[in-house]
């Protein structure tokens, strides 16, 4: 009996369309936590900044869905583990909470380098599983010691389609990241920090605009091999390691209360939107046209052969 690959192809097409709309396959999050010496300073209410951050992160851990993968990267600590206090994997909440509680604060602020490492971990994960949302959250109370690396890496990170959020902890003025990432929030006390972190993870992509069944109908006219190649060609975003993009122009922000959100027309993360748009809109159109051309050529050849008979 001949194996019918049409159901498998249908499933693959639906999965592909779910990826196109950013899917619902779970959230994948890396928190880059500033554990520099200045995080030992006390904020409003008398709590140390590092303790406020640890408490806020521990609260959020208990609220994550079971399919969430979360990693916690420190700027200085856990050097023997490449600075991973929590590896990027499915959560064991009790173990993760214990690791958060063990975090101390000492050292400098190599924010650019750790941001790159956190982004690379997300990209490596996306290369393996493709589907889901990929987010990088930076929680810091000061500017980077490696500002040049930060300026080089950030545009490249954004161009890969990763969502980057930042929270400024008890800072006298907004962090320089405020105008360069997707969202920026100020947190001047424990309650504000907990709320800021909760808000970041409460944000959800709207995935209701794409009809996977309708999209699959476009593939039904094609043979299995052609449709399979089309799916494979469109299912791989750029997951190569971050190498850095030189950029000195960053967009202004639209301010909403304590939260600042970059407009989608912003120069910096507009690169990421452009790449995503090309992948989502232009590439499918090009591949569809190519496949349609091949299909009609094949059909015409069959008609010519039939007339010759």
C-alpha atoms as a PDB file:
ATOM      1  CA  UNK A   1       0.000   0.000   0.000  1.00  0.00           C
ATOM      2  CA  UNK A   2       1.363   3.399  -0.977  1.00  0.00           C
ATOM      3  CA  UNK A   3       2.026   5.721   1.945  1.00  0.00           C
ATOM      4  CA  UNK A   4       0.010   8.927   1.693  1.00  0.00           C
ATOM      5  CA  UNK A   5       2.194  11.841   2.721  1.00  0.00           C
ATOM      6  CA  UNK A   6      -0.593  14.399   2.309  1.00  0.00           C
ATOM      7  CA  UNK A   7      -1.664  14.358   6.016  1.00  0.00           C
ATOM      8  CA  UNK A   8       1.964  14.772   7.103  1.00  0.00           C
ATOM      9  CA  UNK A   9       2.409  17.604   4.623  1.00  0.00           C
ATOM     10  CA  UNK A  10      -0.784  19.201   5.910  1.00  0.00           C
ATOM     11  CA  UNK A  11       0.520  19.077   9.461  1.00  0.00           C
ATOM     12  CA  UNK A  12       3.869  20.511   8.357  1.00  0.00           C
ATOM     13  CA  UNK A  13       2.125  23.353   6.546  1.00  0.00           C
ATOM     14  CA  UNK A  14       0.007  24.226   9.555  1.00  0.00           C
ATOM     15  CA  UNK A  15       3.091  24.224  11.798  1.00  0.00           C
ATOM     16  CA  UNK A  16       4.873  26.436   9.289  1.00  0.00           C
ATOM     17  CA  UNK A  17       1.979  28.895   9.210  1.00  0.00           C
ATOM     18  CA  UNK A  18       1.941  28.971  12.996  1.00  0.00           C
ATOM     19  CA  UNK A  19       5.648  29.886  12.916  1.00  0.00           C
ATOM     20  CA  UNK A  20       4.882  32.658  10.409  1.00  0.00           C
ATOM     21  CA  UNK A  21       2.479  34.211  12.916  1.00  0.00           C
ATOM     22  CA  UNK A  22       5.034  33.751  15.717  1.00  0.00           C
ATOM     23  CA  UNK A  23       3.289  30.638  16.948  1.00  0.00           C
ATOM     24  CA  UNK A  24       2.007  29.542  20.308  1.00  0.00           C
ATOM     25  CA  UNK A  25       4.715  26.967  21.001  1.00  0.00           C
ATOM     26  CA  UNK A  26       5.793  28.617  24.226  1.00  0.00           C
ATOM     27  CA  UNK A  27       7.977  31.472  25.358  1.00  0.00           C
ATOM     28  CA  UNK A  28      11.767  31.315  25.402  1.00  0.00           C
ATOM     29  CA  UNK A  29      13.280  33.978  27.628  1.00  0.00           C
ATOM     30  CA  UNK A  30      16.760  35.004  28.711  1.00  0.00           C
ATOM     31  CA  UNK A  31      17.040  37.499  31.556  1.00  0.00           C
ATOM     32  CA  UNK A  32      20.374  39.325  31.648  1.00  0.00           C
ATOM     33  CA  UNK A  33      20.636  40.440  35.272  1.00  0.00           C
ATOM     34  CA  UNK A  34      23.052  43.138  36.381  1.00  0.00           C
ATOM     35  CA  UNK A  35      24.861  41.762  39.447  1.00  0.00           C
ATOM     36  CA  UNK A  36      27.502  44.502  39.550  1.00  0.00           C
ATOM     37  CA  UNK A  37      28.652  46.089  42.812  1.00  0.00           C
ATOM     38  CA  UNK A  38      26.267  49.040  42.457  1.00  0.00           C
ATOM     39  CA  UNK A  39      23.306  46.662  42.766  1.00  0.00           C
ATOM     40  CA  UNK A  40      24.156  46.457  46.488  1.00  0.00           C
ATOM     41  CA  UNK A  41      22.913  50.024  46.926  1.00  0.00           C
ATOM     42  CA  UNK A  42      19.526  50.503  48.544  1.00  0.00           C
ATOM     43  CA  UNK A  43      16.495  51.852  46.740  1.00  0.00           C
ATOM     44  CA  UNK A  44      13.300  53.434  48.034  1.00  0.00           C
ATOM     45  CA  UNK A  45      11.974  51.346  50.894  1.00  0.00           C
ATOM     46  CA  UNK A  46      15.447  50.315  52.064  1.00  0.00           C
ATOM     47  CA  UNK A  47      15.766  47.123  50.015  1.00  0.00           C
ATOM     48  CA  UNK A  48      18.966  46.483  48.050  1.00  0.00           C
ATOM     49  CA  UNK A  49      18.561  46.691  44.288  1.00  0.00           C
ATOM     50  CA  UNK A  50      19.829  43.143  43.797  1.00  0.00           C
ATOM     51  CA  UNK A  51      17.385  41.791  46.397  1.00  0.00           C
ATOM     52  CA  UNK A  52      14.505  43.639  44.756  1.00  0.00           C
ATOM     53  CA  UNK A  53      15.455  42.155  41.383  1.00  0.00           C
ATOM     54  CA  UNK A  54      15.783  38.648  42.818  1.00  0.00           C
ATOM     55  CA  UNK A  55      12.405  38.910  44.522  1.00  0.00           C
ATOM     56  CA  UNK A  56      10.719  40.154  41.345  1.00  0.00           C
ATOM     57  CA  UNK A  57      12.257  37.372  39.233  1.00  0.00           C
ATOM     58  CA  UNK A  58      11.286  34.707  41.786  1.00  0.00           C
ATOM     59  CA  UNK A  59       7.695  35.965  41.716  1.00  0.00           C
ATOM     60  CA  UNK A  60       7.556  35.751  37.932  1.00  0.00           C
ATOM     61  CA  UNK A  61       9.062  32.233  37.895  1.00  0.00           C
ATOM     62  CA  UNK A  62       6.022  30.921  39.746  1.00  0.00           C
ATOM     63  CA  UNK A  63       3.689  32.397  37.114  1.00  0.00           C
ATOM     64  CA  UNK A  64       5.313  31.018  33.959  1.00  0.00           C
ATOM     65  CA  UNK A  65       3.438  28.374  31.920  1.00  0.00           C
ATOM     66  CA  UNK A  66       4.971  24.905  32.018  1.00  0.00           C
ATOM     67  CA  UNK A  67       6.185  25.128  28.411  1.00  0.00           C
ATOM     68  CA  UNK A  68       8.314  28.216  29.114  1.00  0.00           C
ATOM     69  CA  UNK A  69      12.077  27.965  28.748  1.00  0.00           C
ATOM     70  CA  UNK A  70      13.943  30.543  30.803  1.00  0.00           C
ATOM     71  CA  UNK A  71      17.603  31.301  31.312  1.00  0.00           C
ATOM     72  CA  UNK A  72      19.134  33.731  33.805  1.00  0.00           C
ATOM     73  CA  UNK A  73      22.516  35.168  32.826  1.00  0.00           C
ATOM     74  CA  UNK A  74      24.621  37.229  35.252  1.00  0.00           C
ATOM     75  CA  UNK A  75      27.082  39.918  34.271  1.00  0.00           C
ATOM     76  CA  UNK A  76      29.723  38.673  36.720  1.00  0.00           C
ATOM     77  CA  UNK A  77      28.637  35.667  38.747  1.00  0.00           C
ATOM     78  CA  UNK A  78      28.678  31.926  38.008  1.00  0.00           C
ATOM     79  CA  UNK A  79      31.788  32.105  35.843  1.00  0.00           C
ATOM     80  CA  UNK A  80      32.278  28.332  36.006  1.00  0.00           C
ATOM     81  CA  UNK A  81      28.887  28.007  34.265  1.00  0.00           C
ATOM     82  CA  UNK A  82      29.618  30.711  31.650  1.00  0.00           C
ATOM     83  CA  UNK A  83      27.621  33.132  33.840  1.00  0.00           C
ATOM     84  CA  UNK A  84      24.397  31.110  33.627  1.00  0.00           C
ATOM     85  CA  UNK A  85      22.669  31.123  37.014  1.00  0.00           C
ATOM     86  CA  UNK A  86      19.803  29.269  35.308  1.00  0.00           C
ATOM     87  CA  UNK A  87      20.491  27.418  32.010  1.00  0.00           C
ATOM     88  CA  UNK A  88      18.079  28.117  29.160  1.00  0.00           C
ATOM     89  CA  UNK A  89      15.754  25.133  29.409  1.00  0.00           C
ATOM     90  CA  UNK A  90      12.355  24.063  30.699  1.00  0.00           C
ATOM     91  CA  UNK A  91      11.864  25.374  34.202  1.00  0.00           C
ATOM     92  CA  UNK A  92      12.211  23.466  37.410  1.00  0.00           C
ATOM     93  CA  UNK A  93      10.714  26.243  39.500  1.00  0.00           C
ATOM     94  CA  UNK A  94      12.035  25.143  42.930  1.00  0.00           C
ATOM     95  CA  UNK A  95      15.583  24.681  41.612  1.00  0.00           C
ATOM     96  CA  UNK A  96      15.453  27.909  39.606  1.00  0.00           C
ATOM     97  CA  UNK A  97      14.207  29.828  42.642  1.00  0.00           C
ATOM     98  CA  UNK A  98      17.083  28.531  44.758  1.00  0.00           C
ATOM     99  CA  UNK A  99      19.574  29.660  42.130  1.00  0.00           C
ATOM    100  CA  UNK A 100      18.015  33.115  42.002  1.00  0.00           C
ATOM    101  CA  UNK A 101      18.210  33.415  45.783  1.00  0.00           C
ATOM    102  CA  UNK A 102      21.940  32.548  45.674  1.00  0.00           C
ATOM    103  CA  UNK A 103      22.828  35.472  43.367  1.00  0.00           C
ATOM    104  CA  UNK A 104      25.127  38.119  44.875  1.00  0.00           C
ATOM    105  CA  UNK A 105      26.353  41.457  43.559  1.00  0.00           C
ATOM    106  CA  UNK A 106      29.968  42.346  42.835  1.00  0.00           C
ATOM    107  CA  UNK A 107      32.014  43.480  39.838  1.00  0.00           C
ATOM    108  CA  UNK A 108      31.551  45.605  36.735  1.00  0.00           C
ATOM    109  CA  UNK A 109      28.905  45.965  34.017  1.00  0.00           C
ATOM    110  CA  UNK A 110      29.929  44.037  30.855  1.00  0.00           C
ATOM    111  CA  UNK A 111      26.423  44.408  29.476  1.00  0.00           C
ATOM    112  CA  UNK A 112      27.263  44.229  25.775  1.00  0.00           C
ATOM    113  CA  UNK A 113      29.108  40.920  26.011  1.00  0.00           C
ATOM    114  CA  UNK A 114      26.468  39.220  28.175  1.00  0.00           C
ATOM    115  CA  UNK A 115      23.674  40.496  25.953  1.00  0.00           C
ATOM    116  CA  UNK A 116      25.421  38.900  22.975  1.00  0.00           C
ATOM    117  CA  UNK A 117      25.836  35.598  24.810  1.00  0.00           C
ATOM    118  CA  UNK A 118      22.197  35.581  25.894  1.00  0.00           C
ATOM    119  CA  UNK A 119      21.036  36.362  22.363  1.00  0.00           C
ATOM    120  CA  UNK A 120      23.231  33.607  20.919  1.00  0.00           C
ATOM    121  CA  UNK A 121      21.649  31.106  23.311  1.00  0.00           C
ATOM    122  CA  UNK A 122      18.183  32.097  22.092  1.00  0.00           C
ATOM    123  CA  UNK A 123      19.278  31.836  18.460  1.00  0.00           C
ATOM    124  CA  UNK A 124      20.763  28.384  19.021  1.00  0.00           C
ATOM    125  CA  UNK A 125      17.503  27.273  20.609  1.00  0.00           C
ATOM    126  CA  UNK A 126      15.467  28.734  17.746  1.00  0.00           C
ATOM    127  CA  UNK A 127      17.655  26.862  15.254  1.00  0.00           C
ATOM    128  CA  UNK A 128      16.611  23.600  16.932  1.00  0.00           C
ATOM    129  CA  UNK A 129      12.910  24.153  17.565  1.00  0.00           C
ATOM    130  CA  UNK A 130      11.982  27.118  15.290  1.00  0.00           C
ATOM    131  CA  UNK A 131       8.574  27.766  16.825  1.00  0.00           C
ATOM    132  CA  UNK A 132       7.754  30.043  19.759  1.00  0.00           C
ATOM    133  CA  UNK A 133       8.538  33.537  20.990  1.00  0.00           C
ATOM    134  CA  UNK A 134      12.119  34.581  21.785  1.00  0.00           C
ATOM    135  CA  UNK A 135      12.738  37.408  24.236  1.00  0.00           C
ATOM    136  CA  UNK A 136      15.781  39.006  25.855  1.00  0.00           C
ATOM    137  CA  UNK A 137      15.199  41.052  29.028  1.00  0.00           C
ATOM    138  CA  UNK A 138      17.953  43.266  30.418  1.00  0.00           C
ATOM    139  CA  UNK A 139      17.645  44.339  34.070  1.00  0.00           C
ATOM    140  CA  UNK A 140      20.329  46.849  35.035  1.00  0.00           C
ATOM    141  CA  UNK A 141      21.041  49.860  37.239  1.00  0.00           C
ATOM    142  CA  UNK A 142      23.811  51.421  35.153  1.00  0.00           C
ATOM    143  CA  UNK A 143      25.482  51.966  31.821  1.00  0.00           C
ATOM    144  CA  UNK A 144      27.652  49.277  30.261  1.00  0.00           C
ATOM    145  CA  UNK A 145      31.395  49.214  30.869  1.00  0.00           C
ATOM    146  CA  UNK A 146      31.711  47.789  27.361  1.00  0.00           C
ATOM    147  CA  UNK A 147      29.607  50.454  25.630  1.00  0.00           C
ATOM    148  CA  UNK A 148      31.369  49.921  22.303  1.00  0.00           C
ATOM    149  CA  UNK A 149      30.475  46.222  22.257  1.00  0.00           C
ATOM    150  CA  UNK A 150      26.907  47.058  23.233  1.00  0.00           C
ATOM    151  CA  UNK A 151      26.614  49.527  20.344  1.00  0.00           C
ATOM    152  CA  UNK A 152      27.997  46.921  17.916  1.00  0.00           C
ATOM    153  CA  UNK A 153      25.946  43.952  19.068  1.00  0.00           C
ATOM    154  CA  UNK A 154      22.523  45.471  19.772  1.00  0.00           C
ATOM    155  CA  UNK A 155      21.514  46.268  16.152  1.00  0.00           C
ATOM    156  CA  UNK A 156      22.599  42.775  15.123  1.00  0.00           C
ATOM    157  CA  UNK A 157      20.549  41.205  17.928  1.00  0.00           C
ATOM    158  CA  UNK A 158      17.491  43.206  16.900  1.00  0.00           C
ATOM    159  CA  UNK A 159      17.942  42.286  13.236  1.00  0.00           C
ATOM    160  CA  UNK A 160      17.498  38.583  14.118  1.00  0.00           C
ATOM    161  CA  UNK A 161      13.889  39.136  15.165  1.00  0.00           C
ATOM    162  CA  UNK A 162      14.485  38.731  18.905  1.00  0.00           C
ATOM    163  CA  UNK A 163      12.397  40.916  21.207  1.00  0.00           C
ATOM    164  CA  UNK A 164      14.624  43.003  23.487  1.00  0.00           C
ATOM    165  CA  UNK A 165      13.267  44.721  26.607  1.00  0.00           C
ATOM    166  CA  UNK A 166      15.138  46.688  29.264  1.00  0.00           C
ATOM    167  CA  UNK A 167      14.373  47.793  32.813  1.00  0.00           C
ATOM    168  CA  UNK A 168      16.324  50.586  34.470  1.00  0.00           C
ATOM    169  CA  UNK A 169      16.588  49.906  38.207  1.00  0.00           C
ATOM    170  CA  UNK A 170      16.578  52.988  40.455  1.00  0.00           C
ATOM    171  CA  UNK A 171      18.431  55.187  37.959  1.00  0.00           C
ATOM    172  CA  UNK A 172      18.552  58.987  38.117  1.00  0.00           C
ATOM    173  CA  UNK A 173      17.895  59.177  34.382  1.00  0.00           C
ATOM    174  CA  UNK A 174      16.844  56.771  31.676  1.00  0.00           C
ATOM    175  CA  UNK A 175      19.364  54.201  30.575  1.00  0.00           C
ATOM    176  CA  UNK A 176      20.823  54.730  27.086  1.00  0.00           C
ATOM    177  CA  UNK A 177      19.019  51.526  26.056  1.00  0.00           C
ATOM    178  CA  UNK A 178      15.699  53.339  26.495  1.00  0.00           C
ATOM    179  CA  UNK A 179      15.752  54.606  22.910  1.00  0.00           C
ATOM    180  CA  UNK A 180      17.274  51.509  21.363  1.00  0.00           C
ATOM    181  CA  UNK A 181      15.187  48.506  22.418  1.00  0.00           C
ATOM    182  CA  UNK A 182      11.580  47.432  21.931  1.00  0.00           C
ATOM    183  CA  UNK A 183      10.397  48.516  25.385  1.00  0.00           C
ATOM    184  CA  UNK A 184      11.998  50.304  28.316  1.00  0.00           C
ATOM    185  CA  UNK A 185      10.637  50.605  31.842  1.00  0.00           C
ATOM    186  CA  UNK A 186      11.807  52.533  34.881  1.00  0.00           C
ATOM    187  CA  UNK A 187      11.693  50.850  38.298  1.00  0.00           C
ATOM    188  CA  UNK A 188      12.534  53.032  41.292  1.00  0.00           C
ATOM    189  CA  UNK A 189      11.271  50.729  44.047  1.00  0.00           C
ATOM    190  CA  UNK A 190      10.429  47.096  44.730  1.00  0.00           C
ATOM    191  CA  UNK A 191       6.791  47.350  43.634  1.00  0.00           C
ATOM    192  CA  UNK A 192       7.692  49.116  40.384  1.00  0.00           C
ATOM    193  CA  UNK A 193      10.368  46.529  39.570  1.00  0.00           C
ATOM    194  CA  UNK A 194       8.028  43.602  40.185  1.00  0.00           C
ATOM    195  CA  UNK A 195       5.360  45.253  38.060  1.00  0.00           C
ATOM    196  CA  UNK A 196       7.832  46.014  35.250  1.00  0.00           C
ATOM    197  CA  UNK A 197       9.027  42.412  35.010  1.00  0.00           C
ATOM    198  CA  UNK A 198       5.465  41.091  35.150  1.00  0.00           C
ATOM    199  CA  UNK A 199       4.431  43.468  32.355  1.00  0.00           C
ATOM    200  CA  UNK A 200       7.263  42.318  30.117  1.00  0.00           C
ATOM    201  CA  UNK A 201       6.173  38.706  30.329  1.00  0.00           C
ATOM    202  CA  UNK A 202       2.476  39.524  30.113  1.00  0.00           C
ATOM    203  CA  UNK A 203       2.935  40.918  26.611  1.00  0.00           C
ATOM    204  CA  UNK A 204       1.667  38.524  23.974  1.00  0.00           C
ATOM    205  CA  UNK A 205       1.948  38.548  20.226  1.00  0.00           C
ATOM    206  CA  UNK A 206      -1.402  38.658  18.402  1.00  0.00           C
ATOM    207  CA  UNK A 207      -1.554  35.417  16.443  1.00  0.00           C
ATOM    208  CA  UNK A 208      -5.188  35.599  15.338  1.00  0.00           C
ATOM    209  CA  UNK A 209      -4.675  37.198  11.935  1.00  0.00           C
ATOM    210  CA  UNK A 210      -3.481  34.156   9.949  1.00  0.00           C
ATOM    211  CA  UNK A 211      -5.674  31.280   8.830  1.00  0.00           C
ATOM    212  CA  UNK A 212      -3.393  28.259   8.627  1.00  0.00           C
ATOM    213  CA  UNK A 213      -6.026  26.204   6.815  1.00  0.00           C
ATOM    214  CA  UNK A 214      -6.410  28.820   4.099  1.00  0.00           C
ATOM    215  CA  UNK A 215      -2.646  29.082   3.743  1.00  0.00           C
ATOM    216  CA  UNK A 216      -2.337  25.341   3.372  1.00  0.00           C
ATOM    217  CA  UNK A 217      -4.864  25.350   0.522  1.00  0.00           C
ATOM    218  CA  UNK A 218      -2.221  27.150  -1.561  1.00  0.00           C
ATOM    219  CA  UNK A 219      -0.018  24.060  -1.327  1.00  0.00           C
ATOM    220  CA  UNK A 220      -2.623  21.480  -2.290  1.00  0.00           C
ATOM    221  CA  UNK A 221      -2.047  21.983  -6.009  1.00  0.00           C
ATOM    222  CA  UNK A 222       1.632  21.078  -5.717  1.00  0.00           C
ATOM    223  CA  UNK A 223       3.254  17.682  -5.512  1.00  0.00           C
ATOM    224  CA  UNK A 224       4.644  16.672  -2.122  1.00  0.00           C
ATOM    225  CA  UNK A 225       8.308  17.222  -2.962  1.00  0.00           C
ATOM    226  CA  UNK A 226       7.743  20.727  -4.332  1.00  0.00           C
ATOM    227  CA  UNK A 227       5.609  21.772  -1.356  1.00  0.00           C
ATOM    228  CA  UNK A 228       8.121  20.279   1.071  1.00  0.00           C
ATOM    229  CA  UNK A 229      10.976  22.255  -0.487  1.00  0.00           C
ATOM    230  CA  UNK A 230       8.913  25.441  -0.318  1.00  0.00           C
ATOM    231  CA  UNK A 231       8.227  24.901   3.377  1.00  0.00           C
ATOM    232  CA  UNK A 232      11.854  24.191   4.171  1.00  0.00           C
ATOM    233  CA  UNK A 233      13.023  27.256   2.285  1.00  0.00           C
ATOM    234  CA  UNK A 234      10.805  29.521   4.362  1.00  0.00           C
ATOM    235  CA  UNK A 235      11.119  27.957   7.798  1.00  0.00           C
ATOM    236  CA  UNK A 236      14.635  29.070   8.762  1.00  0.00           C
ATOM    237  CA  UNK A 237      15.249  32.585  10.072  1.00  0.00           C
ATOM    238  CA  UNK A 238      18.796  33.847  10.588  1.00  0.00           C
ATOM    239  CA  UNK A 239      20.041  31.979  13.654  1.00  0.00           C
ATOM    240  CA  UNK A 240      23.766  32.492  13.156  1.00  0.00           C
ATOM    241  CA  UNK A 241      25.811  33.936  16.008  1.00  0.00           C
ATOM    242  CA  UNK A 242      25.717  37.672  16.694  1.00  0.00           C
ATOM    243  CA  UNK A 243      28.809  39.334  15.231  1.00  0.00           C
ATOM    244  CA  UNK A 244      27.938  43.013  15.523  1.00  0.00           C
ATOM    245  CA  UNK A 245      26.630  45.794  13.294  1.00  0.00           C
ATOM    246  CA  UNK A 246      28.142  49.265  13.371  1.00  0.00           C
ATOM    247  CA  UNK A 247      25.396  51.822  14.023  1.00  0.00           C
ATOM    248  CA  UNK A 248      25.285  55.226  15.679  1.00  0.00           C
ATOM    249  CA  UNK A 249      21.758  56.334  14.771  1.00  0.00           C
ATOM    250  CA  UNK A 250      19.012  55.271  17.135  1.00  0.00           C
ATOM    251  CA  UNK A 251      15.307  56.167  17.070  1.00  0.00           C
ATOM    252  CA  UNK A 252      13.396  58.369  19.465  1.00  0.00           C
ATOM    253  CA  UNK A 253      10.743  56.779  21.668  1.00  0.00           C
ATOM    254  CA  UNK A 254       7.085  57.239  22.408  1.00  0.00           C
ATOM    255  CA  UNK A 255       6.606  57.588  26.170  1.00  0.00           C
ATOM    256  CA  UNK A 256       3.639  56.079  27.973  1.00  0.00           C
ATOM    257  CA  UNK A 257       3.832  56.725  31.683  1.00  0.00           C
ATOM    258  CA  UNK A 258       6.805  54.844  33.093  1.00  0.00           C
ATOM    259  CA  UNK A 259       7.163  52.738  29.959  1.00  0.00           C
ATOM    260  CA  UNK A 260       8.858  53.787  26.752  1.00  0.00           C
ATOM    261  CA  UNK A 261       8.152  51.906  23.551  1.00  0.00           C
ATOM    262  CA  UNK A 262      10.020  52.373  20.306  1.00  0.00           C
ATOM    263  CA  UNK A 263       7.790  53.118  17.273  1.00  0.00           C
ATOM    264  CA  UNK A 264       7.858  50.429  14.601  1.00  0.00           C
ATOM    265  CA  UNK A 265       9.404  52.919  12.208  1.00  0.00           C
ATOM    266  CA  UNK A 266      12.471  53.254  14.454  1.00  0.00           C
ATOM    267  CA  UNK A 267      15.779  52.968  12.638  1.00  0.00           C
ATOM    268  CA  UNK A 268      17.474  50.420  14.903  1.00  0.00           C
ATOM    269  CA  UNK A 269      14.961  47.689  15.530  1.00  0.00           C
ATOM    270  CA  UNK A 270      13.295  48.562  12.231  1.00  0.00           C
ATOM    271  CA  UNK A 271      16.070  46.425  10.756  1.00  0.00           C
ATOM    272  CA  UNK A 272      14.578  43.447  12.556  1.00  0.00           C
ATOM    273  CA  UNK A 273      11.078  44.299  11.365  1.00  0.00           C
ATOM    274  CA  UNK A 274      12.358  44.605   7.781  1.00  0.00           C
ATOM    275  CA  UNK A 275      14.019  41.194   7.962  1.00  0.00           C
ATOM    276  CA  UNK A 276      10.870  39.670   9.440  1.00  0.00           C
ATOM    277  CA  UNK A 277       8.706  41.332   6.783  1.00  0.00           C
ATOM    278  CA  UNK A 278      10.922  40.002   4.004  1.00  0.00           C
ATOM    279  CA  UNK A 279      10.748  36.518   5.482  1.00  0.00           C
ATOM    280  CA  UNK A 280       7.012  36.608   6.115  1.00  0.00           C
ATOM    281  CA  UNK A 281       5.802  38.427   2.997  1.00  0.00           C
ATOM    282  CA  UNK A 282       8.321  38.628   0.182  1.00  0.00           C
ATOM    283  CA  UNK A 283       9.971  35.204   0.426  1.00  0.00           C
ATOM    284  CA  UNK A 284       6.661  33.285   0.515  1.00  0.00           C
ATOM    285  CA  UNK A 285       5.487  35.272  -2.522  1.00  0.00           C
ATOM    286  CA  UNK A 286       8.692  34.576  -4.444  1.00  0.00           C
ATOM    287  CA  UNK A 287       8.657  30.872  -3.596  1.00  0.00           C
ATOM    288  CA  UNK A 288       4.942  30.659  -4.419  1.00  0.00           C
ATOM    289  CA  UNK A 289       5.540  32.234  -7.831  1.00  0.00           C
ATOM    290  CA  UNK A 290       8.426  29.860  -8.516  1.00  0.00           C
ATOM    291  CA  UNK A 291       6.377  26.839  -7.466  1.00  0.00           C
ATOM    292  CA  UNK A 292       3.378  28.016  -9.491  1.00  0.00           C
ATOM    293  CA  UNK A 293       5.604  28.448 -12.536  1.00  0.00           C
ATOM    294  CA  UNK A 294       6.972  24.935 -12.118  1.00  0.00           C
ATOM    295  CA  UNK A 295       3.471  23.547 -11.618  1.00  0.00           C
ATOM    296  CA  UNK A 296       2.050  25.174 -14.740  1.00  0.00           C
ATOM    297  CA  UNK A 297       5.068  24.164 -16.810  1.00  0.00           C
ATOM    298  CA  UNK A 298       4.537  20.596 -15.699  1.00  0.00           C
ATOM    299  CA  UNK A 299       0.810  20.812 -16.488  1.00  0.00           C
ATOM    300  CA  UNK A 300       1.496  22.270 -19.931  1.00  0.00           C
ATOM    301  CA  UNK A 301       3.985  19.511 -20.646  1.00  0.00           C
ATOM    302  CA  UNK A 302       1.372  16.897 -19.737  1.00  0.00           C
ATOM    303  CA  UNK A 303      -1.151  18.556 -22.065  1.00  0.00           C
ATOM    304  CA  UNK A 304       1.339  18.620 -24.944  1.00  0.00           C
ATOM    305  CA  UNK A 305       2.171  14.962 -24.390  1.00  0.00           C
ATOM    306  CA  UNK A 306      -1.569  14.078 -24.410  1.00  0.00           C
ATOM    307  CA  UNK A 307      -2.170  15.942 -27.682  1.00  0.00           C
ATOM    308  CA  UNK A 308       0.759  14.154 -29.311  1.00  0.00           C
ATOM    309  CA  UNK A 309      -0.833  10.845 -28.527  1.00  0.00           C
END
